[in-house]
Protein backbone atom coordinates (compact mmCIF):
# COMPACT_ATOMS: atom_id res chain seq x y z
CA MET A 1 -17.03 13.81 -23.23
CA ARG A 2 -16.13 10.18 -23.20
CA ARG A 3 -18.45 9.40 -20.15
CA LEU A 4 -21.31 11.08 -22.18
CA LEU A 5 -20.52 9.06 -25.37
CA SER A 6 -19.86 5.63 -23.44
CA HIS A 7 -23.97 5.85 -22.86
CA LEU A 8 -24.54 5.30 -26.45
CA PRO A 9 -24.25 1.77 -27.38
CA PHE A 10 -23.68 2.19 -31.11
CA LEU A 11 -20.59 4.01 -30.81
CA ASP A 12 -17.63 2.18 -31.25
CA LEU A 13 -15.16 3.80 -28.54
CA PRO A 14 -11.57 2.68 -28.14
CA PRO A 15 -10.94 0.56 -25.20
CA LEU A 16 -10.69 2.34 -21.87
CA VAL A 17 -8.49 1.55 -19.04
CA ASN A 18 -8.54 3.64 -15.88
CA VAL A 19 -5.48 4.31 -14.09
CA VAL A 20 -5.33 4.44 -10.22
CA ARG A 21 -1.95 5.96 -8.78
CA LEU A 22 -1.42 4.54 -5.11
CA ALA A 23 2.01 6.42 -4.17
CA GLY A 24 3.58 7.21 -0.92
CA GLY A 25 2.84 5.64 2.53
CA ILE A 26 -0.37 4.12 3.90
CA GLY A 27 -2.51 5.36 6.91
CA THR A 28 0.49 7.24 8.24
CA GLY A 29 -0.06 9.96 10.70
CA GLY A 30 -3.81 9.52 10.81
CA ARG A 31 -4.40 12.18 8.43
CA VAL A 32 -5.70 12.38 4.54
CA SER A 33 -2.42 14.38 3.90
CA ALA A 34 -0.04 12.09 5.45
CA GLY A 35 -0.64 8.90 3.69
CA MET A 36 -3.30 6.95 1.71
CA THR A 37 -6.31 5.48 3.71
CA ASP A 38 -9.17 3.72 2.63
CA ALA A 39 -11.59 6.78 3.45
CA ALA A 40 -9.23 9.11 1.05
CA LEU A 41 -8.99 6.59 -1.65
CA ALA A 42 -12.49 5.38 -1.60
CA PRO A 43 -13.98 7.99 -3.88
CA VAL A 44 -11.14 7.46 -6.39
CA ILE A 45 -11.31 4.03 -6.60
CA GLU A 46 -15.07 3.84 -7.01
CA ARG A 47 -14.85 6.38 -9.87
CA ALA A 48 -11.97 4.38 -11.41
CA PHE A 49 -14.27 1.06 -11.63
CA ARG A 50 -17.49 2.88 -12.67
CA ARG A 51 -16.73 5.70 -15.07
CA GLY A 52 -16.62 5.07 -18.70
CA ARG A 53 -17.18 1.73 -19.21
CA PRO A 54 -13.55 0.61 -18.48
CA LYS A 55 -12.07 -2.57 -20.01
CA ALA A 56 -10.01 -2.88 -16.86
CA VAL A 57 -8.57 -0.77 -14.13
CA ALA A 58 -4.53 -0.29 -13.48
CA LEU A 59 -3.04 0.31 -10.27
CA VAL A 60 0.23 2.40 -10.20
CA VAL A 61 1.86 1.39 -6.87
CA ASN A 62 4.87 2.97 -5.42
CA SER A 63 4.88 2.70 -1.67
CA PRO A 64 7.07 1.47 1.12
CA GLY A 65 3.99 0.23 3.18
CA GLY A 66 2.50 1.35 6.20
CA SER A 67 -0.86 0.24 8.30
CA PRO A 68 -1.75 -3.14 7.93
CA VAL A 69 -5.65 -2.27 8.51
CA GLN A 70 -5.39 0.49 5.89
CA SER A 71 -3.69 -1.66 3.58
CA SER A 72 -6.16 -4.31 3.92
CA LEU A 73 -9.13 -2.26 3.65
CA ILE A 74 -8.01 -0.57 0.23
CA ALA A 75 -7.21 -3.87 -1.18
CA ALA A 76 -10.58 -5.48 -0.09
CA ARG A 77 -12.48 -2.29 -1.74
CA ILE A 78 -10.36 -3.20 -4.91
CA ARG A 79 -11.47 -6.71 -5.10
CA ARG A 80 -14.96 -6.02 -4.02
CA LEU A 81 -15.55 -3.51 -7.36
CA ALA A 82 -13.37 -5.72 -9.53
CA GLY A 83 -15.94 -8.56 -8.62
CA GLU A 84 -19.09 -6.40 -8.89
CA ARG A 85 -18.08 -4.80 -12.38
CA GLY A 86 -16.54 -7.78 -13.62
CA LEU A 87 -13.09 -6.07 -14.51
CA PRO A 88 -9.52 -7.46 -14.60
CA VAL A 89 -7.04 -5.35 -12.46
CA HIS A 90 -3.23 -5.09 -13.32
CA ALA A 91 -0.84 -3.66 -11.20
CA PHE A 92 2.42 -1.91 -12.29
CA VAL A 93 5.17 -1.35 -9.63
CA GLU A 94 7.41 2.00 -9.82
CA ASP A 95 10.58 2.09 -7.28
CA MET A 96 8.70 -0.27 -4.51
CA ALA A 97 5.84 -2.21 -3.54
CA ALA A 98 7.10 -3.35 -0.28
CA SER A 99 5.19 -4.48 2.78
CA GLY A 100 1.78 -2.69 2.57
CA GLY A 101 2.70 -1.38 -0.84
CA TYR A 102 2.87 -5.13 -2.11
CA TRP A 103 -0.48 -5.81 0.05
CA LEU A 104 -2.13 -3.49 -2.44
CA ALA A 105 -0.37 -4.94 -5.71
CA ALA A 106 -1.55 -7.99 -4.66
CA ALA A 107 -5.01 -6.93 -5.09
CA ALA A 108 -4.55 -7.13 -8.74
CA ASP A 109 -4.81 -10.14 -10.76
CA ASP A 110 -1.42 -9.62 -12.30
CA ILE A 111 1.46 -7.59 -11.25
CA TRP A 112 4.40 -6.16 -13.40
CA VAL A 113 7.79 -4.67 -12.63
CA ASP A 114 10.50 -2.58 -13.62
CA ALA A 115 13.82 -4.37 -13.88
CA THR A 116 15.14 -2.26 -10.68
CA SER A 117 11.38 -2.20 -8.87
CA ILE A 118 11.93 -3.42 -4.94
CA VAL A 119 9.11 -5.88 -4.33
CA GLY A 120 8.17 -7.76 -1.17
CA SER A 121 8.79 -7.28 2.61
CA ILE A 122 5.78 -9.42 3.82
CA GLY A 123 5.89 -8.96 7.17
CA VAL A 124 4.84 -6.68 10.08
CA VAL A 125 7.07 -4.05 12.21
CA SER A 126 6.30 -2.31 15.32
CA ALA A 127 8.90 0.36 16.18
CA GLY A 128 9.51 2.55 19.17
CA PHE A 129 12.40 3.97 21.11
CA GLY A 130 13.68 3.27 24.87
CA LEU A 131 14.20 6.33 26.59
CA ALA A 132 14.27 4.61 29.98
CA GLY A 133 16.72 6.52 32.37
CA LEU A 134 16.91 9.69 30.03
CA ILE A 135 14.27 12.00 31.68
CA GLU A 136 15.87 11.01 35.18
CA ARG A 137 19.36 12.17 34.14
CA ALA A 138 17.69 15.27 32.81
CA GLY A 139 16.15 15.67 36.33
CA VAL A 140 12.51 15.21 35.43
CA GLU A 141 10.40 13.68 37.12
CA ARG A 142 7.81 11.46 35.57
CA ARG A 143 4.24 10.87 37.07
CA LEU A 144 2.13 8.17 35.26
CA HIS A 145 -1.16 6.87 37.13
CA THR A 146 -2.87 3.90 35.09
CA ALA A 147 -6.10 1.86 35.75
CA GLY A 148 -5.36 -1.60 34.54
CA ARG A 149 -2.03 -3.38 34.39
CA SER A 150 -1.64 -3.49 30.36
CA LYS A 151 -2.13 0.35 30.19
CA THR A 152 1.83 0.51 29.90
CA LEU A 153 2.61 -1.53 27.26
CA LEU A 154 5.74 -1.01 26.14
CA ASP A 155 6.06 2.35 27.43
CA PRO A 156 9.22 4.10 25.82
CA PHE A 157 10.16 5.65 29.84
CA LEU A 158 10.27 2.37 31.43
CA PRO A 159 12.40 -0.60 31.03
CA GLU A 160 11.37 -3.35 28.39
CA ARG A 161 9.86 -5.90 29.80
CA PRO A 162 9.71 -9.69 28.38
CA GLU A 163 6.31 -9.79 29.15
CA ASP A 164 5.41 -6.95 27.18
CA VAL A 165 7.42 -8.17 24.47
CA ALA A 166 5.21 -11.46 24.45
CA ARG A 167 2.15 -9.50 24.23
CA LEU A 168 3.26 -7.34 21.12
CA ARG A 169 4.45 -10.34 19.34
CA ALA A 170 1.11 -11.67 20.21
CA LEU A 171 -0.55 -8.86 18.40
CA ILE A 172 1.69 -8.32 15.49
CA GLU A 173 1.76 -12.17 14.40
CA PRO A 174 -2.01 -12.57 13.44
CA MET A 175 -1.15 -9.51 11.23
CA HIS A 176 1.56 -11.36 9.70
CA ALA A 177 -0.60 -14.25 9.17
CA ALA A 178 -3.35 -12.13 7.38
CA PHE A 179 -0.54 -10.66 5.22
CA ILE A 180 0.26 -14.00 4.33
CA ALA A 181 -3.04 -15.61 3.62
CA HIS A 182 -4.06 -12.52 1.33
CA VAL A 183 -0.73 -13.19 -0.95
CA ARG A 184 -1.59 -16.84 -0.93
CA ALA A 185 -4.96 -16.23 -1.99
CA ARG A 186 -4.20 -13.61 -4.55
CA ARG A 187 -1.02 -15.37 -5.95
CA GLY A 188 -1.77 -19.03 -5.55
CA THR A 189 0.25 -21.55 -7.59
CA ARG A 190 2.65 -18.54 -9.06
CA LEU A 191 4.41 -18.56 -5.77
CA ALA A 192 7.73 -20.46 -5.81
CA ASP A 193 8.36 -22.54 -2.54
CA HIS A 194 11.28 -20.44 -0.85
CA PRO A 195 12.18 -19.98 2.29
CA GLU A 196 12.50 -16.33 2.59
CA LEU A 197 9.46 -15.22 0.92
CA PHE A 198 7.29 -14.60 4.00
CA THR A 199 10.20 -13.38 6.14
CA GLY A 200 10.03 -10.02 5.25
CA GLU A 201 13.03 -9.96 2.72
CA VAL A 202 12.95 -7.95 -0.50
CA PHE A 203 13.88 -8.74 -3.82
CA VAL A 204 14.46 -6.87 -6.94
CA GLY A 205 12.31 -6.95 -10.03
CA PRO A 206 13.24 -10.04 -11.87
CA ARG A 207 13.83 -12.08 -8.66
CA ALA A 208 10.56 -11.08 -7.61
CA VAL A 209 9.30 -12.75 -10.81
CA GLU A 210 11.29 -15.86 -10.37
CA LEU A 211 9.54 -16.39 -6.83
CA GLY A 212 5.99 -15.75 -8.15
CA LEU A 213 5.44 -12.38 -6.60
CA ALA A 214 5.19 -10.72 -9.66
CA ASP A 215 4.34 -11.67 -13.38
CA GLY A 216 6.77 -10.25 -15.41
CA VAL A 217 9.03 -6.96 -16.09
CA ALA A 218 6.62 -4.83 -17.95
CA HIS A 219 5.77 -0.91 -18.07
CA LEU A 220 2.25 0.52 -18.16
CA VAL A 221 1.81 1.94 -21.52
CA PRO A 222 3.37 -0.73 -23.69
CA LYS A 223 1.94 -3.63 -21.64
CA LEU A 224 -1.78 -2.26 -21.69
CA LYS A 225 -1.50 -1.48 -25.48
CA GLU A 226 -0.31 -5.16 -25.84
CA LEU A 227 -3.43 -6.41 -23.99
CA TYR A 228 -6.04 -3.77 -25.12
CA GLY A 229 -4.99 -3.04 -28.36
CA PRO A 230 -2.53 0.16 -29.78
CA LYS A 231 -5.60 2.58 -29.30
CA VAL A 232 -6.22 2.01 -25.71
CA VAL A 233 -7.02 4.84 -23.78
CA LEU A 234 -5.64 5.39 -20.35
CA SER A 235 -7.66 7.84 -17.85
CA PRO A 236 -5.58 9.03 -14.87
CA TYR A 237 -7.16 8.78 -11.39
CA GLY A 238 -5.40 10.29 -8.47
CA GLN A 239 -6.03 11.18 -4.89
CA PRO A 240 -7.17 14.89 -4.73
CA ARG A 241 -5.65 17.50 -2.51
CA GLY A 242 -7.79 19.32 0.14
CA TRP A 243 -8.27 22.76 -0.51
CA LEU A 244 -6.49 23.68 2.60
CA SER A 245 -3.35 21.89 1.57
CA ARG A 246 -3.77 23.77 -1.84
CA LEU A 247 -3.68 26.88 0.08
CA GLY A 248 -0.74 25.90 1.80
CA ALA A 249 -2.14 25.33 5.40
CA GLY A 250 -0.62 22.41 7.31
CA LEU A 251 2.37 22.54 5.35
CA ALA A 252 4.48 21.80 8.89
CA ALA A 253 2.41 18.30 9.35
CA GLU A 254 2.96 17.56 5.43
CA ALA A 255 6.56 18.24 5.87
CA LEU A 256 6.84 15.88 8.97
CA ALA A 257 5.00 13.49 7.25
CA ALA A 258 6.93 13.29 4.06
CA ILE A 259 10.17 12.86 6.31
CA GLU A 260 8.55 10.20 7.64
CA GLU A 261 7.81 8.52 4.29
CA ARG A 262 11.32 9.18 2.85
CA ALA A 263 12.54 7.11 5.98
CA ALA A 264 10.24 4.27 5.15
CA PHE A 265 11.37 4.32 1.38
CA ALA A 266 15.17 4.49 2.87
CA ARG A 267 14.63 1.35 4.71
CA HIS A 268 14.27 -0.72 1.54
CA GLY A 269 17.10 0.85 -0.41
CA ARG A 270 15.45 3.79 -2.18
C-alpha cells in the first residue's frame, strides 16, 4: 500500500528506510542456496533502492566472508545504486563482518557495530589439503594427463612445489590489494594508522571503532530513529528461497553448505 501512496506527492508519509539483510557466506559452493552471490541478491538490492521512495537503505551484515569476486560485485552494485538514487547507506553489523563480510559493510557510508561484533579480517585466504602419498599407501594408482605445465597447480595429490606457492601468491596478492583499496576508498581519513589493520586481524566492536573500521556502537532501530525520526518506517528485504528449497529439494547440498558456513564463522571465534 505504501508503494502506491508514495506516488501521491500531496501525502506526507513518514520516512522510509529499506533494510537489506546480508547474512551467511558469500558465493560459497557456486549455488544460490549455498551463499550470497551478486546474481541472487541483485533483484533484492535493486528493489530496496527503488521501492517506496526511501530516505536511505540499511544493510544488516552478518557474514564471515567468502568469494572476493562476489563480495566486490555486490559492493559495487550497492555503490552504483546509491549514486544513481542519491541515497545514504548505513551498515549494521551483527555477529560478524569479516573478510568479504566487511567488504560488503564498507560499501555503506557508515558502519555501526554491536559491542561484541567481530570486524575486519581484511585479507585473502586460499586453503586446501595435501594428500601426497595417501593414495599410494591405499594401493591406488592415480593417472593424470595434462596439456600445459600449469594445469597441476597445487594438486593435492602431488608434493607442494615452491614455484606453485609463488604462483598462488601472485594470484591472491592482487585480490588483497583490491580489498585494501576498497576499504581505503570507503573509509578514507577515518582509518587509523595501525600496522595490523590490513593483515587479516579481526577486532571486537569498540576496538574496530577506535581503528576507524566502524563509526560507533549502535543498533538498527534506535540508530535509524535517531537519524530519521521516531516515526521512521523500516521495510525488510531478504534473499528469497527458491521453490525447490521450500519443497525440501537439495537438502543435502544445503546441509553441506551450512557446515562450511559454520566453519567459516568458527574461524573468527563465533
